[in-house]
C-alpha atoms as a PDB file:
ATOM      1  CA  MET A   1      38.589-107.246-196.375  1.00  0.00           C
ATOM      2  CA  LYS A   2      42.202-106.939-193.351  1.00  0.00           C
ATOM      3  CA  ASP A   3      43.718-105.291-196.557  1.00  0.00           C
ATOM      4  CA  ILE A   4      40.783-102.738-197.449  1.00  0.00           C
ATOM      5  CA  ASN A   5      41.149-100.367-194.056  1.00  0.00           C
ATOM      6  CA  PRO A   6      41.472 -96.593-193.356  1.00  0.00           C
ATOM      7  CA  ALA A   7      45.070 -96.669-193.869  1.00  0.00           C
ATOM      8  CA  ALA A   8      45.505 -98.606-197.165  1.00  0.00           C
ATOM      9  CA  ILE A   9      42.571 -96.140-198.464  1.00  0.00           C
ATOM     10  CA  ALA A  10      44.776 -93.186-197.147  1.00  0.00           C
ATOM     11  CA  ARG A  11      47.844 -94.750-198.927  1.00  0.00           C
ATOM     12  CA  VAL A  12      46.332 -94.619-202.116  1.00  0.00           C
ATOM     13  CA  HIS A  13      44.548 -91.043-201.511  1.00  0.00           C
ATOM     14  CA  ALA A  14      48.182 -89.621-201.968  1.00  0.00           C
ATOM     15  CA  ILE A  15      48.021 -91.635-205.374  1.00  0.00           C
ATOM     16  CA  VAL A  16      45.106 -90.790-206.694  1.00  0.00           C
ATOM     17  CA  HIS A  17      45.172 -87.028-205.507  1.00  0.00           C
ATOM     18  CA  PRO A  18      47.195 -85.748-208.480  1.00  0.00           C
ATOM     19  CA  TYR A  19      44.553 -87.252-210.427  1.00  0.00           C
ATOM     20  CA  VAL A  20      41.295 -86.778-209.180  1.00  0.00           C
ATOM     21  CA  ARG A  21      39.034 -83.933-208.383  1.00  0.00           C
ATOM     22  CA  THR A  22      38.078 -82.767-204.771  1.00  0.00           C
ATOM     23  CA  THR A  23      34.651 -82.603-205.550  1.00  0.00           C
ATOM     24  CA  PRO A  24      32.148 -80.107-203.407  1.00  0.00           C
ATOM     25  CA  ALA A  25      30.434 -80.914-200.417  1.00  0.00           C
ATOM     26  CA  VAL A  26      27.165 -78.877-200.253  1.00  0.00           C
ATOM     27  CA  THR A  27      25.549 -78.666-196.877  1.00  0.00           C
ATOM     28  CA  LEU A  28      21.830 -77.843-196.761  1.00  0.00           C
ATOM     29  CA  SER A  29      19.319 -77.311-193.841  1.00  0.00           C
ATOM     30  CA  GLY A  30      17.111 -80.392-193.882  1.00  0.00           C
ATOM     31  CA  SER A  31      13.677 -78.029-194.228  1.00  0.00           C
ATOM     32  CA  ASP A  32      14.713 -77.427-197.893  1.00  0.00           C
ATOM     33  CA  PHE A  33      13.685 -80.308-198.842  1.00  0.00           C
ATOM     34  CA  GLY A  34      10.776 -80.810-196.539  1.00  0.00           C
ATOM     35  CA  LEU A  35      12.569 -83.170-193.804  1.00  0.00           C
ATOM     36  CA  ALA A  36      12.973 -82.616-189.832  1.00  0.00           C
ATOM     37  CA  CYS A  37      17.074 -83.371-190.174  1.00  0.00           C
ATOM     38  CA  ARG A  38      19.064 -81.202-188.885  1.00  0.00           C
ATOM     39  CA  ALA A  39      21.394 -81.128-192.112  1.00  0.00           C
ATOM     40  CA  VAL A  40      21.776 -82.369-195.419  1.00  0.00           C
ATOM     41  CA  THR A  41      25.204 -82.380-197.194  1.00  0.00           C
ATOM     42  CA  LEU A  42      25.125 -83.500-201.099  1.00  0.00           C
ATOM     43  CA  LYS A  43      28.472 -84.996-202.251  1.00  0.00           C
ATOM     44  CA  LEU A  44      28.677 -83.923-205.600  1.00  0.00           C
ATOM     45  CA  GLU A  45      30.387 -86.341-206.998  1.00  0.00           C
ATOM     46  CA  GLN A  46      28.933 -86.026-210.760  1.00  0.00           C
ATOM     47  CA  LEU A  47      31.835 -83.496-210.877  1.00  0.00           C
ATOM     48  CA  GLN A  48      34.265 -85.809-210.878  1.00  0.00           C
ATOM     49  CA  HIS A  49      36.646 -86.455-214.072  1.00  0.00           C
ATOM     50  CA  ALA A  50      34.461 -88.905-216.704  1.00  0.00           C
ATOM     51  CA  GLY A  51      31.310 -87.704-214.560  1.00  0.00           C
ATOM     52  CA  SER A  52      30.941 -90.179-211.770  1.00  0.00           C
ATOM     53  CA  PHE A  53      33.161 -91.364-208.430  1.00  0.00           C
ATOM     54  CA  LYS A  54      34.329 -93.969-210.527  1.00  0.00           C
ATOM     55  CA  ALA A  55      37.635 -92.088-211.660  1.00  0.00           C
ATOM     56  CA  ARG A  56      38.885 -92.663-208.252  1.00  0.00           C
ATOM     57  CA  GLY A  57      39.123 -96.462-208.738  1.00  0.00           C
ATOM     58  CA  ALA A  58      39.904 -96.450-211.954  1.00  0.00           C
ATOM     59  CA  PHE A  59      43.303 -93.973-211.407  1.00  0.00           C
ATOM     60  CA  ALA A  60      43.854 -96.369-208.466  1.00  0.00           C
ATOM     61  CA  ASN A  61      44.018 -99.573-210.675  1.00  0.00           C
ATOM     62  CA  LEU A  62      46.115 -98.148-213.712  1.00  0.00           C
ATOM     63  CA  LEU A  63      48.379 -96.727-211.171  1.00  0.00           C
ATOM     64  CA  MET A  64      49.431 -99.164-208.672  1.00  0.00           C
ATOM     65  CA  ARG A  65      49.421-102.456-211.104  1.00  0.00           C
ATOM     66  CA  ASN A  66      51.683-102.991-214.055  1.00  0.00           C
ATOM     67  CA  VAL A  67      49.406-102.243-216.709  1.00  0.00           C
ATOM     68  CA  PRO A  68      50.583-104.686-219.829  1.00  0.00           C
ATOM     69  CA  PRO A  69      51.903-102.874-223.582  1.00  0.00           C
ATOM     70  CA  ALA A  70      48.315-103.917-224.193  1.00  0.00           C
ATOM     71  CA  GLY A  71      46.652-101.792-222.180  1.00  0.00           C
ATOM     72  CA  VAL A  72      43.307-102.200-220.161  1.00  0.00           C
ATOM     73  CA  VAL A  73      40.367-103.783-220.811  1.00  0.00           C
ATOM     74  CA  ALA A  74      36.930-103.166-218.414  1.00  0.00           C
ATOM     75  CA  ALA A  75      33.495-104.198-218.495  1.00  0.00           C
ATOM     76  CA  SER A  76      30.839-101.484-217.777  1.00  0.00           C
ATOM     77  CA  GLY A  77      27.165-100.333-217.448  1.00  0.00           C
ATOM     78  CA  GLY A  78      29.041 -96.718-218.482  1.00  0.00           C
ATOM     79  CA  ASN A  79      30.299 -94.619-215.532  1.00  0.00           C
ATOM     80  CA  HIS A  80      33.284 -97.413-214.927  1.00  0.00           C
ATOM     81  CA  GLY A  81      34.047 -97.673-218.590  1.00  0.00           C
ATOM     82  CA  ALA A  82      34.310 -93.855-219.122  1.00  0.00           C
ATOM     83  CA  ALA A  83      36.458 -93.816-215.659  1.00  0.00           C
ATOM     84  CA  VAL A  84      38.799 -96.584-217.187  1.00  0.00           C
ATOM     85  CA  ALA A  85      38.831 -94.654-220.649  1.00  0.00           C
ATOM     86  CA  TYR A  86      39.267 -91.307-219.505  1.00  0.00           C
ATOM     87  CA  ALA A  87      42.203 -92.542-216.567  1.00  0.00           C
ATOM     88  CA  ALA A  88      44.036 -94.432-219.597  1.00  0.00           C
ATOM     89  CA  MET A  89      43.532 -91.176-222.335  1.00  0.00           C
ATOM     90  CA  ARG A  90      45.567 -89.087-219.322  1.00  0.00           C
ATOM     91  CA  LEU A  91      47.934 -91.969-218.469  1.00  0.00           C
ATOM     92  CA  GLY A  92      49.168 -92.462-222.144  1.00  0.00           C
ATOM     93  CA  VAL A  93      47.661 -96.631-222.479  1.00  0.00           C
ATOM     94  CA  PRO A  94      45.242 -98.232-225.200  1.00  0.00           C
ATOM     95  CA  ALA A  95      41.883 -99.204-223.099  1.00  0.00           C
ATOM     96  CA  ARG A  96      38.762-101.235-224.798  1.00  0.00           C
ATOM     97  CA  ILE A  97      35.553-101.168-222.665  1.00  0.00           C
ATOM     98  CA  PHE A  98      32.621-103.332-223.006  1.00  0.00           C
ATOM     99  CA  VAL A  99      29.136-102.153-222.423  1.00  0.00           C
ATOM    100  CA  PRO A 100      25.754-103.750-222.559  1.00  0.00           C
ATOM    101  CA  THR A 101      22.840-102.483-225.035  1.00  0.00           C
ATOM    102  CA  VAL A 102      21.096-100.845-221.587  1.00  0.00           C
ATOM    103  CA  SER A 103      24.267 -98.528-221.669  1.00  0.00           C
ATOM    104  CA  SER A 104      23.118 -94.974-222.390  1.00  0.00           C
ATOM    105  CA  PRO A 105      23.858 -92.896-225.204  1.00  0.00           C
ATOM    106  CA  ALA A 106      25.951 -89.896-222.441  1.00  0.00           C
ATOM    107  CA  LYS A 107      28.165 -92.906-221.457  1.00  0.00           C
ATOM    108  CA  THR A 108      28.789 -94.805-224.598  1.00  0.00           C
ATOM    109  CA  SER A 109      29.570 -91.139-225.910  1.00  0.00           C
ATOM    110  CA  ARG A 110      32.483 -90.139-223.261  1.00  0.00           C
ATOM    111  CA  ILE A 111      33.631 -93.565-223.716  1.00  0.00           C
ATOM    112  CA  ARG A 112      34.652 -93.343-227.091  1.00  0.00           C
ATOM    113  CA  GLY A 113      35.642 -88.871-226.513  1.00  0.00           C
ATOM    114  CA  PHE A 114      38.500 -90.109-224.408  1.00  0.00           C
ATOM    115  CA  GLY A 115      39.799 -92.471-227.009  1.00  0.00           C
ATOM    116  CA  ALA A 116      39.102 -95.651-225.952  1.00  0.00           C
ATOM    117  CA  GLU A 117      38.097 -99.023-228.432  1.00  0.00           C
ATOM    118  CA  LEU A 118      34.127 -99.694-227.503  1.00  0.00           C
ATOM    119  CA  THR A 119      32.196-102.717-228.121  1.00  0.00           C
ATOM    120  CA  VAL A 120      28.239-102.675-227.351  1.00  0.00           C
ATOM    121  CA  THR A 121      27.506-106.245-226.633  1.00  0.00           C
ATOM    122  CA  GLY A 122      24.634-108.212-224.824  1.00  0.00           C
ATOM    123  CA  ASP A 123      21.745-106.899-222.647  1.00  0.00           C
ATOM    124  CA  ARG A 124      23.115-106.633-219.006  1.00  0.00           C
ATOM    125  CA  TYR A 125      26.175-105.823-217.004  1.00  0.00           C
ATOM    126  CA  ASP A 126      27.701-109.557-217.273  1.00  0.00           C
ATOM    127  CA  ASP A 127      26.976-109.969-220.811  1.00  0.00           C
ATOM    128  CA  ALA A 128      29.481-107.389-221.106  1.00  0.00           C
ATOM    129  CA  LEU A 129      31.816-109.308-218.409  1.00  0.00           C
ATOM    130  CA  ALA A 130      31.770-112.038-219.743  1.00  0.00           C
ATOM    131  CA  ALA A 131      32.794-110.472-223.565  1.00  0.00           C
ATOM    132  CA  SER A 132      35.561-108.664-221.463  1.00  0.00           C
ATOM    133  CA  GLY A 133      37.252-111.636-220.149  1.00  0.00           C
ATOM    134  CA  GLU A 134      37.420-113.262-223.101  1.00  0.00           C
ATOM    135  CA  TRP A 135      39.398-110.285-224.750  1.00  0.00           C
ATOM    136  CA  ALA A 136      41.729-110.163-221.561  1.00  0.00           C
ATOM    137  CA  ARG A 137      42.558-113.699-222.241  1.00  0.00           C
ATOM    138  CA  SER A 138      43.056-113.199-226.488  1.00  0.00           C
ATOM    139  CA  SER A 139      45.054-109.746-226.054  1.00  0.00           C
ATOM    140  CA  GLY A 140      46.642-109.961-222.825  1.00  0.00           C
ATOM    141  CA  ALA A 141      45.137-106.646-221.808  1.00  0.00           C
ATOM    142  CA  LEU A 142      44.885-105.617-218.204  1.00  0.00           C
ATOM    143  CA  PRO A 143      41.413-106.434-216.603  1.00  0.00           C
ATOM    144  CA  VAL A 144      39.855-103.645-214.479  1.00  0.00           C
ATOM    145  CA  HIS A 145      37.158-104.769-212.639  1.00  0.00           C
ATOM    146  CA  ALA A 146      34.241-102.283-212.018  1.00  0.00           C
ATOM    147  CA  PHE A 147      33.679-103.448-208.390  1.00  0.00           C
ATOM    148  CA  ASP A 148      35.092-106.636-207.161  1.00  0.00           C
ATOM    149  CA  GLN A 149      38.942-105.884-207.016  1.00  0.00           C
ATOM    150  CA  GLN A 150      40.926-104.507-204.364  1.00  0.00           C
ATOM    151  CA  GLU A 151      42.332-101.389-206.130  1.00  0.00           C
ATOM    152  CA  THR A 152      38.640-100.408-206.944  1.00  0.00           C
ATOM    153  CA  LEU A 153      37.456-100.416-203.803  1.00  0.00           C
ATOM    154  CA  LEU A 154      40.654 -98.465-202.158  1.00  0.00           C
ATOM    155  CA  GLY A 155      39.877 -95.872-204.803  1.00  0.00           C
ATOM    156  CA  GLN A 156      36.793 -95.433-204.405  1.00  0.00           C
ATOM    157  CA  GLY A 157      37.007 -95.316-200.177  1.00  0.00           C
ATOM    158  CA  THR A 158      39.561 -92.239-201.161  1.00  0.00           C
ATOM    159  CA  LEU A 159      35.451 -91.151-201.161  1.00  0.00           C
ATOM    160  CA  GLY A 160      35.205 -91.554-197.874  1.00  0.00           C
ATOM    161  CA  ARG A 161      38.243 -90.029-196.519  1.00  0.00           C
ATOM    162  CA  GLU A 162      37.385 -86.739-198.637  1.00  0.00           C
ATOM    163  CA  LEU A 163      33.738 -86.551-197.380  1.00  0.00           C
ATOM    164  CA  ALA A 164      35.029 -87.225-193.640  1.00  0.00           C
ATOM    165  CA  ALA A 165      37.616 -84.072-193.645  1.00  0.00           C
ATOM    166  CA  GLN A 166      35.052 -81.968-195.453  1.00  0.00           C
ATOM    167  CA  VAL A 167      31.837 -82.928-192.903  1.00  0.00           C
ATOM    168  CA  PRO A 168      33.723 -84.210-189.925  1.00  0.00           C
ATOM    169  CA  ALA A 169      30.606 -84.205-187.639  1.00  0.00           C
ATOM    170  CA  VAL A 170      28.236 -86.182-189.759  1.00  0.00           C
ATOM    171  CA  ASP A 171      26.392 -88.646-188.410  1.00  0.00           C
ATOM    172  CA  ALA A 172      24.651 -90.928-191.703  1.00  0.00           C
ATOM    173  CA  VAL A 173      25.995 -91.296-195.272  1.00  0.00           C
ATOM    174  CA  LEU A 174      23.483 -92.632-197.922  1.00  0.00           C
ATOM    175  CA  VAL A 175      25.066 -94.332-200.649  1.00  0.00           C
ATOM    176  CA  GLY A 176      23.618 -95.936-203.867  1.00  0.00           C
ATOM    177  CA  VAL A 177      24.537 -99.490-204.473  1.00  0.00           C
ATOM    178  CA  GLY A 178      24.983-101.665-207.971  1.00  0.00           C
ATOM    179  CA  GLY A 179      27.789-103.850-207.349  1.00  0.00           C
ATOM    180  CA  GLY A 180      29.171-102.434-204.270  1.00  0.00           C
ATOM    181  CA  GLY A 181      32.503-101.216-204.912  1.00  0.00           C
ATOM    182  CA  LEU A 182      31.293 -97.690-203.435  1.00  0.00           C
ATOM    183  CA  ILE A 183      29.751 -98.331-200.893  1.00  0.00           C
ATOM    184  CA  GLY A 184      32.168-100.910-199.384  1.00  0.00           C
ATOM    185  CA  GLY A 185      35.268 -98.840-200.056  1.00  0.00           C
ATOM    186  CA  ILE A 186      33.262 -95.799-198.138  1.00  0.00           C
ATOM    187  CA  ALA A 187      32.301 -98.248-195.392  1.00  0.00           C
ATOM    188  CA  ALA A 188      35.721 -99.196-194.648  1.00  0.00           C
ATOM    189  CA  TRP A 189      37.142 -96.254-194.484  1.00  0.00           C
ATOM    190  CA  PHE A 190      34.199 -95.313-191.526  1.00  0.00           C
ATOM    191  CA  ALA A 191      34.626 -98.730-190.032  1.00  0.00           C
ATOM    192  CA  GLY A 192      31.601 -98.232-187.949  1.00  0.00           C
ATOM    193  CA  ALA A 193      32.524 -94.193-186.943  1.00  0.00           C
ATOM    194  CA  VAL A 194      29.006 -93.085-188.586  1.00  0.00           C
ATOM    195  CA  ARG A 195      26.338 -95.105-189.843  1.00  0.00           C
ATOM    196  CA  VAL A 196      26.702 -96.100-193.877  1.00  0.00           C
ATOM    197  CA  VAL A 197      23.530 -97.024-195.617  1.00  0.00           C
ATOM    198  CA  GLY A 198      23.290 -98.413-198.967  1.00  0.00           C
ATOM    199  CA  VAL A 199      20.149 -97.437-201.381  1.00  0.00           C
ATOM    200  CA  GLU A 200      19.311 -99.482-204.638  1.00  0.00           C
ATOM    201  CA  PRO A 201      16.412 -99.799-206.779  1.00  0.00           C
ATOM    202  CA  SER A 202      14.096-101.796-205.771  1.00  0.00           C
ATOM    203  CA  GLY A 203      14.054-103.671-209.187  1.00  0.00           C
ATOM    204  CA  ALA A 204      17.948-104.358-208.687  1.00  0.00           C
ATOM    205  CA  PRO A 205      18.064-105.626-204.728  1.00  0.00           C
ATOM    206  CA  THR A 206      22.119-107.057-205.364  1.00  0.00           C
ATOM    207  CA  LEU A 207      23.126-106.269-201.624  1.00  0.00           C
ATOM    208  CA  THR A 208      19.778-107.249-200.052  1.00  0.00           C
ATOM    209  CA  GLU A 209      19.399-110.580-201.278  1.00  0.00           C
ATOM    210  CA  ALA A 210      23.020-110.739-200.549  1.00  0.00           C
ATOM    211  CA  LEU A 211      22.771-109.931-196.965  1.00  0.00           C
ATOM    212  CA  LYS A 212      19.685-112.478-196.785  1.00  0.00           C
ATOM    213  CA  ALA A 213      21.471-114.906-198.157  1.00  0.00           C
ATOM    214  CA  GLY A 214      24.657-114.571-195.906  1.00  0.00           C
ATOM    215  CA  ARG A 215      26.653-114.466-199.666  1.00  0.00           C
ATOM    216  CA  PRO A 216      26.489-112.615-203.332  1.00  0.00           C
ATOM    217  CA  VAL A 217      23.669-114.129-204.763  1.00  0.00           C
ATOM    218  CA  ASP A 218      21.937-113.366-208.054  1.00  0.00           C
ATOM    219  CA  ALA A 219      19.036-110.890-208.152  1.00  0.00           C
ATOM    220  CA  ALA A 220      16.750-108.931-210.440  1.00  0.00           C
ATOM    221  CA  THR A 221      17.972-106.682-212.687  1.00  0.00           C
ATOM    222  CA  ASP A 222      15.225-103.984-213.812  1.00  0.00           C
ATOM    223  CA  SER A 223      15.204-100.287-213.444  1.00  0.00           C
ATOM    224  CA  ILE A 224      15.700 -97.162-214.243  1.00  0.00           C
ATOM    225  CA  ALA A 225      19.048 -96.972-213.236  1.00  0.00           C
ATOM    226  CA  ALA A 226      20.371 -99.803-214.577  1.00  0.00           C
ATOM    227  CA  ASP A 227      23.191 -98.668-216.831  1.00  0.00           C
ATOM    228  CA  SER A 228      24.684 -98.175-213.137  1.00  0.00           C
ATOM    229  CA  LEU A 229      22.862-100.192-210.053  1.00  0.00           C
ATOM    230  CA  ALA A 230      22.169-103.286-211.683  1.00  0.00           C
ATOM    231  CA  PRO A 231      24.758-105.804-212.214  1.00  0.00           C
ATOM    232  CA  ARG A 232      23.891-109.430-211.587  1.00  0.00           C
ATOM    233  CA  ARG A 233      25.742-109.594-207.915  1.00  0.00           C
ATOM    234  CA  VAL A 234      27.601-107.618-205.576  1.00  0.00           C
ATOM    235  CA  GLY A 235      31.165-108.442-205.654  1.00  0.00           C
ATOM    236  CA  ASP A 236      32.963-110.594-203.343  1.00  0.00           C
ATOM    237  CA  LEU A 237      35.809-108.596-201.852  1.00  0.00           C
ATOM    238  CA  MET A 238      32.892-105.855-200.534  1.00  0.00           C
ATOM    239  CA  PHE A 239      30.610-108.308-198.660  1.00  0.00           C
ATOM    240  CA  PRO A 240      32.447-109.113-195.761  1.00  0.00           C
ATOM    241  CA  ILE A 241      32.741-105.019-195.590  1.00  0.00           C
ATOM    242  CA  ALA A 242      28.663-104.618-196.134  1.00  0.00           C
ATOM    243  CA  GLN A 243      28.283-107.819-193.082  1.00  0.00           C
ATOM    244  CA  ALA A 244      30.647-105.497-190.850  1.00  0.00           C
ATOM    245  CA  PHE A 245      30.020-102.083-191.183  1.00  0.00           C
ATOM    246  CA  ILE A 246      27.185-101.609-193.203  1.00  0.00           C
ATOM    247  CA  GLU A 247      23.964-100.701-190.909  1.00  0.00           C
ATOM    248  CA  ARG A 248      21.197-101.433-193.604  1.00  0.00           C
ATOM    249  CA  VAL A 249      19.869-101.300-196.934  1.00  0.00           C
ATOM    250  CA  VAL A 250      17.008 -99.835-198.243  1.00  0.00           C
ATOM    251  CA  CYS A 251      14.998 -99.834-201.686  1.00  0.00           C
ATOM    252  CA  VAL A 252      13.625 -97.068-203.698  1.00  0.00           C
ATOM    253  CA  SER A 253      11.397 -97.349-206.583  1.00  0.00           C
ATOM    254  CA  ASP A 254      11.901 -96.050-210.134  1.00  0.00           C
ATOM    255  CA  GLU A 255       9.182 -93.358-209.339  1.00  0.00           C
ATOM    256  CA  ASP A 256      11.424 -92.591-206.277  1.00  0.00           C
ATOM    257  CA  ILE A 257      14.507 -91.804-208.354  1.00  0.00           C
ATOM    258  CA  ARG A 258      12.829 -89.806-210.752  1.00  0.00           C
ATOM    259  CA  LYS A 259      11.396 -87.507-208.227  1.00  0.00           C
ATOM    260  CA  ALA A 260      14.667 -87.234-206.539  1.00  0.00           C
ATOM    261  CA  GLN A 261      16.415 -86.077-209.735  1.00  0.00           C
ATOM    262  CA  MET A 262      13.901 -83.687-210.450  1.00  0.00           C
ATOM    263  CA  THR A 263      13.984 -82.447-207.004  1.00  0.00           C
ATOM    264  CA  LEU A 264      17.676 -82.065-206.941  1.00  0.00           C
ATOM    265  CA  TRP A 265      17.222 -80.138-210.279  1.00  0.00           C
ATOM    266  CA  GLU A 266      14.720 -77.915-208.857  1.00  0.00           C
ATOM    267  CA  ARG A 267      16.004 -77.249-205.710  1.00  0.00           C
ATOM    268  CA  VAL A 268      19.894 -77.095-205.853  1.00  0.00           C
ATOM    269  CA  ARG A 269      20.427 -76.787-209.799  1.00  0.00           C
ATOM    270  CA  VAL A 270      22.134 -80.418-209.738  1.00  0.00           C
ATOM    271  CA  ILE A 271      21.705 -82.430-212.974  1.00  0.00           C
ATOM    272  CA  ALA A 272      22.007 -86.303-211.535  1.00  0.00           C
ATOM    273  CA  GLU A 273      21.682 -89.547-214.156  1.00  0.00           C
ATOM    274  CA  PRO A 274      19.475 -91.654-211.747  1.00  0.00           C
ATOM    275  CA  GLY A 275      21.693 -94.021-210.309  1.00  0.00           C
ATOM    276  CA  GLY A 276      23.538 -90.706-208.950  1.00  0.00           C
ATOM    277  CA  ALA A 277      20.402 -90.039-207.474  1.00  0.00           C
ATOM    278  CA  ALA A 278      19.279 -93.394-205.934  1.00  0.00           C
ATOM    279  CA  ALA A 279      20.794 -92.110-202.549  1.00  0.00           C
ATOM    280  CA  PHE A 280      18.756 -89.152-202.059  1.00  0.00           C
ATOM    281  CA  ALA A 281      15.761 -90.853-202.809  1.00  0.00           C
ATOM    282  CA  ALA A 282      15.784 -92.882-200.024  1.00  0.00           C
ATOM    283  CA  LEU A 283      15.450 -89.332-197.865  1.00  0.00           C
ATOM    284  CA  LEU A 284      12.689 -88.018-200.015  1.00  0.00           C
ATOM    285  CA  SER A 285      10.444 -90.949-200.061  1.00  0.00           C
ATOM    286  CA  GLY A 286      10.986 -92.260-196.593  1.00  0.00           C
ATOM    287  CA  ALA A 287      12.836 -95.308-197.142  1.00  0.00           C
ATOM    288  CA  TYR A 288      15.468 -93.624-194.575  1.00  0.00           C
ATOM    289  CA  VAL A 289      13.941 -91.498-192.241  1.00  0.00           C
ATOM    290  CA  PRO A 290      16.497 -89.759-190.460  1.00  0.00           C
ATOM    291  CA  ALA A 291      16.107 -88.330-186.429  1.00  0.00           C
ATOM    292  CA  ALA A 292      15.639 -84.932-185.850  1.00  0.00           C
ATOM    293  CA  GLY A 293      18.934 -83.805-185.247  1.00  0.00           C
ATOM    294  CA  GLU A 294      20.943 -85.575-187.893  1.00  0.00           C
ATOM    295  CA  HIS A 295      23.564 -84.675-189.922  1.00  0.00           C
ATOM    296  CA  VAL A 296      22.788 -86.984-193.219  1.00  0.00           C
ATOM    297  CA  ALA A 297      25.442 -86.847-196.416  1.00  0.00           C
ATOM    298  CA  VAL A 298      23.839 -88.591-199.853  1.00  0.00           C
ATOM    299  CA  VAL A 299      26.631 -89.321-202.140  1.00  0.00           C
ATOM    300  CA  VAL A 300      25.175 -87.929-205.568  1.00  0.00           C
ATOM    301  CA  SER A 301      27.337 -90.523-207.670  1.00  0.00           C
ATOM    302  CA  GLY A 302      26.967 -89.652-211.289  1.00  0.00           C
ATOM    303  CA  GLY A 303      26.034 -87.178-213.444  1.00  0.00           C
ATOM    304  CA  ASN A 304      26.242 -88.945-217.126  1.00  0.00           C
ATOM    305  CA  THR A 305      22.802 -88.084-218.902  1.00  0.00           C
ATOM    306  CA  THR A 306      22.032 -86.012-221.554  1.00  0.00           C
ATOM    307  CA  LEU A 307      19.455 -83.275-221.761  1.00  0.00           C
ATOM    308  CA  ALA A 308      16.923 -85.275-223.599  1.00  0.00           C
ATOM    309  CA  GLU A 309      17.280 -88.359-221.643  1.00  0.00           C
ATOM    310  CA  PHE A 310      17.235 -86.121-218.320  1.00  0.00           C
ATOM    311  CA  SER A 311      13.663 -84.062-219.267  1.00  0.00           C
ATOM    312  CA  ALA A 312      12.405 -87.389-220.938  1.00  0.00           C
ATOM    313  CA  PRO A 313       8.289 -88.229-219.440  1.00  0.00           C
ATOM    314  CA  ARG A 314       8.802 -91.734-217.393  1.00  0.00           C
END
């Protein structure tokens, strides 16, 4: 935890900044969504390279670690794999990505489109992670972990740095939680200066269960957002950061997430994948109730979906 701090995040920002986009932060009135809070800022990270915040951690890994001739290997629900594939393409290194069968066609298509070798195996992220570990051992490729890697956390933390510069007066930041790389990096940047609130699908409460147990433990992985917010457990590296700097974690239903997707489209013309809309679902559903004068930032973390997936009835 001591190596994942604002100073280290600032140094990593200088390294990855030429390779990632500064994504927009759009501030709206709370009344636009029927909320009593003063303002809601949407941090539109679905506009990032490869369609999610994951590009930040991917470039941090590939630029800060020694990549062998065999290249890199990653396991992913889809977004991390697309980001690693994109970063590898930009930097001219080989990449092999392992994803589970739950990974959406939008994500597997992006991985292939960026030139990476793709292997689909197992039902969930942990199955893909095990297969990627075997490939790393046999090939000599560098493993790039989706969330439990120092460089990954520092890279994701650059989103917090960017948001703080765009919205200096923010009171709270809502962040979707899967393995915890994004919220761990953001919480490390703010270090208690603002409220950081995690949002999880009720069917995949990884951080909720970890905080109850006092350590990362296995949790359920059943959600509409299973391809981005449902590893079996949160990372070891992020957990002490969560204990120190995350105010609380709330859970939202799949129905809440779907409603958030539709509201983002209908009110703001923003398309988000289920995992990307989970944080916003906490506001709409009342899982997080802001104070009347509060300025809340919501990370819209990814947009890797297709028209058919987005518009399909649930």
